[in-house]
Amino acid sequence: MKRKTLNDNSGFSMIEMLISLTVLILVAGTALSALAYAQKLFGSQQMQAEIHAGLRGTFELMTQEIGQAGALNLTPQTFTAAVTGSSTAQTVAISSSANIFVGERLSVDTGSAQELVQVTAIPSGTQVTGIFKNSHSSGAAIFAQGVFPQGVLSASTATSLKMVGDINADGTVVYLQYDCDTSAGTLTRSVTTLAPGVTTRSAAQTLITNLVPNPGGTPCFQYGTPVAVTVSPTTYTFIPSVAVALRLRTSRTDPQNGPFIKMTK
């Protein structure tokens, strides 16, 4: 029997080489398969995280703004000319009528001269009309604080959420509208500052794309049972709560499972 020595340079046989290559290919194939699976899993998880982040950001914004609906906390204004008390309506000069609206009740002056005046007209950006029964000096303060009879407007629908108020708590009254359009696959938001001369709504901002219908036909916006409150002689209808349901899909198919990933919140 022929034995190999340390100095034997005959090398591996062809069969040994083939066996070695086969083992190497099997090991490399297994490693590459595991790597491909890990990449697909990572891609799938990343897409789910992107959907979740988009929905979470949108819901945080909507929660804050729905909570501010109806708020009224305007920057105090002042008289720029003295006012003589009268039992009839008169137009007075103030520092600014921005964000003041017809029908609003203003708390005027302080101390014994203080009174509550309802605005009946806004002739210009520095004038308001109402019945000022007490006399007020130039520089006397004018306040507007409270809430709107409706923050979430009763004109809201299953696909359109409409609100009014000092939404950003910055002393500016705005009209805010969210539109859920599953046909276009978008959720948009538009804001209009309520001020004299402003008559058009701002351009819509797209918050979400790839929006799809909710399971079971659940509407995007649902509202609590309206509550009617009468402050003689007017009856106001309040919407006490808002529920929002949105379903979003990925922009491309799931690299791991094939179909689009969908998430509902």
Protein backbone atom coordinates (compact mmCIF):
# COMPACT_ATOMS: atom_id res chain seq x y z
CA MET A 1 0.00 0.00 0.00
CA LYS A 2 1.38 3.33 -1.06
CA ARG A 3 1.58 5.93 1.70
CA LYS A 4 1.76 9.74 1.36
CA THR A 5 4.69 11.44 3.01
CA LEU A 6 5.17 15.01 4.13
CA ASN A 7 6.94 15.78 0.90
CA ASP A 8 4.24 14.24 -1.27
CA ASN A 9 3.04 17.02 -3.70
CA SER A 10 0.43 14.99 -5.52
CA GLY A 11 -2.41 17.30 -4.15
CA PHE A 12 -6.14 16.53 -4.03
CA SER A 13 -7.81 14.17 -6.38
CA MET A 14 -10.59 15.31 -8.73
CA ILE A 15 -13.22 13.63 -6.57
CA GLU A 16 -11.95 15.42 -3.47
CA MET A 17 -12.07 18.77 -5.32
CA LEU A 18 -15.61 18.17 -6.48
CA ILE A 19 -16.73 17.23 -2.98
CA SER A 20 -15.06 20.36 -1.56
CA LEU A 21 -16.68 22.62 -4.17
CA THR A 22 -20.07 21.03 -3.56
CA VAL A 23 -19.82 21.64 0.19
CA LEU A 24 -18.66 25.21 -0.43
CA ILE A 25 -21.56 25.91 -2.80
CA LEU A 26 -24.05 24.48 -0.33
CA VAL A 27 -22.67 26.59 2.53
CA ALA A 28 -22.52 29.74 0.39
CA GLY A 29 -26.03 29.15 -0.94
CA THR A 30 -27.40 28.73 2.57
CA ALA A 31 -25.66 31.92 3.72
CA LEU A 32 -26.89 33.91 0.71
CA SER A 33 -30.42 32.59 1.19
CA ALA A 34 -30.35 33.64 4.84
CA LEU A 35 -28.99 37.06 3.84
CA ALA A 36 -31.72 37.54 1.20
CA TYR A 37 -34.40 36.58 3.74
CA ALA A 38 -32.96 39.03 6.28
CA GLN A 39 -32.95 41.80 3.66
CA LYS A 40 -36.58 41.13 2.74
CA LEU A 41 -37.57 41.03 6.41
CA PHE A 42 -35.77 44.31 7.07
CA GLY A 43 -37.42 45.92 4.04
CA SER A 44 -40.86 44.74 5.17
CA GLN A 45 -40.34 46.01 8.72
CA GLN A 46 -39.02 49.34 7.42
CA MET A 47 -42.12 49.82 5.25
CA GLN A 48 -44.38 49.05 8.22
CA ALA A 49 -42.43 51.53 10.34
CA GLU A 50 -42.84 54.23 7.66
CA ILE A 51 -46.62 53.67 7.56
CA HIS A 52 -46.84 53.78 11.35
CA ALA A 53 -44.74 56.96 11.54
CA GLY A 54 -46.87 58.70 8.90
CA LEU A 55 -50.13 57.80 10.62
CA ARG A 56 -48.79 58.65 14.07
CA GLY A 57 -47.61 62.10 12.97
CA THR A 58 -50.96 62.83 11.32
CA PHE A 59 -52.96 61.66 14.33
CA GLU A 60 -50.87 63.74 16.72
CA LEU A 61 -51.53 66.85 14.62
CA MET A 62 -55.26 66.13 14.34
CA THR A 63 -55.58 65.39 18.06
CA GLN A 64 -54.01 68.73 18.94
CA GLU A 65 -56.13 70.69 16.48
CA ILE A 66 -59.42 68.96 17.31
CA GLY A 67 -58.72 69.71 20.97
CA GLN A 68 -58.35 73.41 20.13
CA ALA A 69 -61.50 73.58 17.98
CA GLY A 70 -63.77 76.34 19.23
CA ALA A 71 -61.08 78.03 21.31
CA LEU A 72 -61.12 81.82 21.31
CA ASN A 73 -58.24 83.70 22.88
CA LEU A 74 -57.38 86.74 20.76
CA THR A 75 -54.59 89.25 21.30
CA PRO A 76 -56.00 92.18 23.35
CA GLN A 77 -56.70 95.33 21.36
CA THR A 78 -57.17 98.95 22.49
CA PHE A 79 -59.28 101.98 21.59
CA THR A 80 -57.33 104.50 19.51
CA ALA A 81 -59.85 107.25 20.21
CA ALA A 82 -62.11 108.02 23.15
CA VAL A 83 -65.65 106.63 23.07
CA THR A 84 -68.73 108.39 24.41
CA GLY A 85 -71.35 106.05 25.81
CA SER A 86 -74.60 105.71 23.84
CA SER A 87 -77.66 103.44 23.72
CA THR A 88 -77.44 103.29 19.92
CA ALA A 89 -74.89 101.51 17.78
CA GLN A 90 -71.74 103.44 16.90
CA THR A 91 -68.52 102.74 15.04
CA VAL A 92 -65.37 103.10 17.13
CA ALA A 93 -61.67 103.11 16.29
CA ILE A 94 -59.49 100.31 17.67
CA SER A 95 -55.91 99.19 17.12
CA SER A 96 -56.95 96.22 14.93
CA SER A 97 -60.13 94.34 14.05
CA ALA A 98 -58.20 91.32 12.72
CA ASN A 99 -59.82 88.05 13.83
CA ILE A 100 -62.82 89.85 15.33
CA PHE A 101 -66.06 88.69 13.74
CA VAL A 102 -69.65 89.92 13.54
CA GLY A 103 -71.66 88.55 16.45
CA GLU A 104 -68.64 88.24 18.73
CA ARG A 105 -68.92 89.58 22.28
CA LEU A 106 -66.01 91.76 23.40
CA SER A 107 -65.08 92.48 26.99
CA VAL A 108 -64.37 96.21 26.96
CA ASP A 109 -62.34 98.20 29.50
CA THR A 110 -61.90 97.39 33.19
CA GLY A 111 -63.31 98.49 36.54
CA SER A 112 -66.56 100.45 36.68
CA ALA A 113 -66.44 101.18 32.92
CA GLN A 114 -66.24 97.51 31.98
CA GLU A 115 -68.99 96.14 29.74
CA LEU A 116 -69.76 93.37 27.28
CA VAL A 117 -70.36 94.57 23.71
CA GLN A 118 -71.59 92.48 20.78
CA VAL A 119 -70.02 93.35 17.42
CA THR A 120 -72.66 94.17 14.78
CA ALA A 121 -70.34 95.21 11.93
CA ILE A 122 -66.66 95.53 11.00
CA PRO A 123 -66.32 98.52 8.64
CA SER A 124 -62.53 98.30 8.34
CA GLY A 125 -59.37 96.75 9.71
CA THR A 126 -59.30 99.32 12.53
CA GLN A 127 -63.01 99.79 13.27
CA VAL A 128 -65.87 97.85 14.86
CA THR A 129 -69.53 98.70 15.36
CA GLY A 130 -71.65 97.93 18.39
CA ILE A 131 -73.59 99.47 21.30
CA PHE A 132 -71.11 100.95 23.76
CA LYS A 133 -73.27 102.09 26.70
CA ASN A 134 -70.31 103.28 28.79
CA SER A 135 -67.71 105.88 27.93
CA HIS A 136 -64.13 104.67 27.39
CA SER A 137 -60.86 106.52 27.14
CA SER A 138 -58.33 106.11 24.34
CA GLY A 139 -56.05 103.19 25.15
CA ALA A 140 -58.66 101.24 27.11
CA ALA A 141 -58.30 97.48 26.59
CA ILE A 142 -60.57 95.26 24.52
CA PHE A 143 -60.54 91.51 25.18
CA ALA A 144 -62.10 88.59 23.32
CA GLN A 145 -61.98 85.30 25.20
CA GLY A 146 -64.26 82.31 25.35
CA VAL A 147 -65.41 79.64 22.89
CA PHE A 148 -67.33 79.47 19.65
CA PRO A 149 -70.82 77.94 19.82
CA GLN A 150 -69.40 75.32 17.44
CA GLY A 151 -65.75 74.33 17.23
CA VAL A 152 -66.26 71.23 15.10
CA LEU A 153 -68.82 72.48 12.59
CA SER A 154 -72.08 70.61 12.01
CA ALA A 155 -71.36 70.91 8.26
CA SER A 156 -68.64 68.26 8.72
CA THR A 157 -69.19 64.95 6.91
CA ALA A 158 -67.81 61.42 6.86
CA THR A 159 -65.05 62.57 4.50
CA SER A 160 -64.61 66.21 5.49
CA LEU A 161 -63.81 67.51 8.98
CA LYS A 162 -64.40 71.24 9.40
CA MET A 163 -63.36 73.28 12.42
CA VAL A 164 -62.99 76.90 13.53
CA GLY A 165 -61.16 78.49 16.42
CA ASP A 166 -57.79 79.63 17.71
CA ILE A 167 -56.38 76.29 16.58
CA ASN A 168 -52.71 77.10 17.13
CA ALA A 169 -53.23 79.05 20.39
CA ASP A 170 -51.51 82.06 18.84
CA GLY A 171 -54.38 84.54 18.98
CA THR A 172 -55.43 83.93 15.36
CA VAL A 173 -58.84 82.51 14.49
CA VAL A 174 -58.73 80.11 11.55
CA TYR A 175 -61.04 77.88 9.56
CA LEU A 176 -59.51 74.42 9.23
CA GLN A 177 -60.62 71.58 6.97
CA TYR A 178 -59.41 67.99 6.61
CA ASP A 179 -60.50 66.09 3.49
CA CYS A 180 -60.28 62.29 3.26
CA ASP A 181 -60.35 61.17 -0.39
CA THR A 182 -59.79 57.42 -0.77
CA SER A 183 -60.34 57.68 -4.54
CA ALA A 184 -57.33 59.96 -4.86
CA GLY A 185 -55.65 58.17 -1.94
CA THR A 186 -54.98 61.38 0.00
CA LEU A 187 -55.69 63.12 3.29
CA THR A 188 -55.35 66.88 2.88
CA ARG A 189 -55.44 69.82 5.28
CA SER A 190 -56.20 73.45 4.48
CA VAL A 191 -56.19 76.50 6.76
CA THR A 192 -57.80 79.91 6.23
CA THR A 193 -57.19 82.84 8.55
CA LEU A 194 -60.46 84.56 9.44
CA ALA A 195 -59.90 88.25 8.97
CA PRO A 196 -61.55 91.16 7.10
CA GLY A 197 -61.06 90.76 3.37
CA VAL A 198 -60.05 87.08 3.49
CA THR A 199 -62.52 85.12 1.38
CA THR A 200 -60.55 82.22 -0.09
CA ARG A 201 -59.21 79.04 1.44
CA SER A 202 -55.49 78.34 1.43
CA ALA A 203 -54.00 75.68 -0.82
CA ALA A 204 -54.49 72.17 0.54
CA GLN A 205 -51.50 70.45 2.13
CA THR A 206 -51.25 66.70 1.51
CA LEU A 207 -50.56 64.90 4.80
CA ILE A 208 -50.98 61.28 3.64
CA THR A 209 -50.80 59.51 0.29
CA ASN A 210 -51.77 55.91 -0.54
CA LEU A 211 -54.92 56.16 1.58
CA VAL A 212 -57.37 53.28 1.01
CA PRO A 213 -60.96 52.64 2.18
CA ASN A 214 -61.37 51.46 5.76
CA PRO A 215 -62.46 47.85 6.42
CA GLY A 216 -66.23 47.40 6.44
CA GLY A 217 -66.82 50.81 4.93
CA THR A 218 -66.01 52.63 8.18
CA PRO A 219 -66.00 56.39 7.45
CA CYS A 220 -62.85 58.46 7.94
CA PHE A 221 -64.61 60.80 10.38
CA GLN A 222 -67.31 59.88 12.88
CA TYR A 223 -69.01 62.24 15.31
CA GLY A 224 -70.60 61.90 18.71
CA THR A 225 -74.35 62.46 19.05
CA PRO A 226 -74.93 66.23 18.70
CA VAL A 227 -75.94 68.07 21.87
CA ALA A 228 -78.41 70.97 21.55
CA VAL A 229 -78.01 73.86 23.98
CA THR A 230 -80.44 76.81 23.98
CA VAL A 231 -79.23 80.24 25.00
CA SER A 232 -82.44 82.18 24.44
CA PRO A 233 -83.39 82.93 21.78
CA THR A 234 -80.76 80.87 19.93
CA THR A 235 -80.21 77.10 19.98
CA TYR A 236 -76.67 75.88 19.39
CA THR A 237 -75.70 72.36 18.39
CA PHE A 238 -72.40 71.05 19.74
CA ILE A 239 -70.48 68.05 18.41
CA PRO A 240 -68.97 66.57 21.60
CA SER A 241 -66.45 64.14 20.07
CA VAL A 242 -64.71 63.13 16.86
CA ALA A 243 -63.39 59.68 15.92
CA VAL A 244 -60.89 59.32 13.09
CA ALA A 245 -60.15 56.05 11.26
CA LEU A 246 -57.55 55.92 8.48
CA ARG A 247 -56.17 52.98 6.50
CA LEU A 248 -52.90 53.34 4.65
CA ARG A 249 -50.98 51.03 2.32
CA THR A 250 -47.37 51.02 1.24
CA SER A 251 -46.30 52.58 -2.05
CA ARG A 252 -44.79 49.27 -3.18
CA THR A 253 -45.42 45.58 -2.51
CA ASP A 254 -44.05 43.80 0.54
CA PRO A 255 -40.64 42.32 -0.43
CA GLN A 256 -41.22 39.42 1.97
CA ASN A 257 -44.85 38.39 1.45
CA GLY A 258 -45.75 39.91 -1.92
CA PRO A 259 -48.93 42.03 -1.52
CA PHE A 260 -49.13 45.62 -0.28
CA ILE A 261 -48.81 46.16 3.47
CA LYS A 262 -51.88 47.89 4.95
CA MET A 263 -52.36 49.42 8.37
CA THR A 264 -55.44 50.92 10.03
CA LYS A 265 -55.45 53.32 12.96
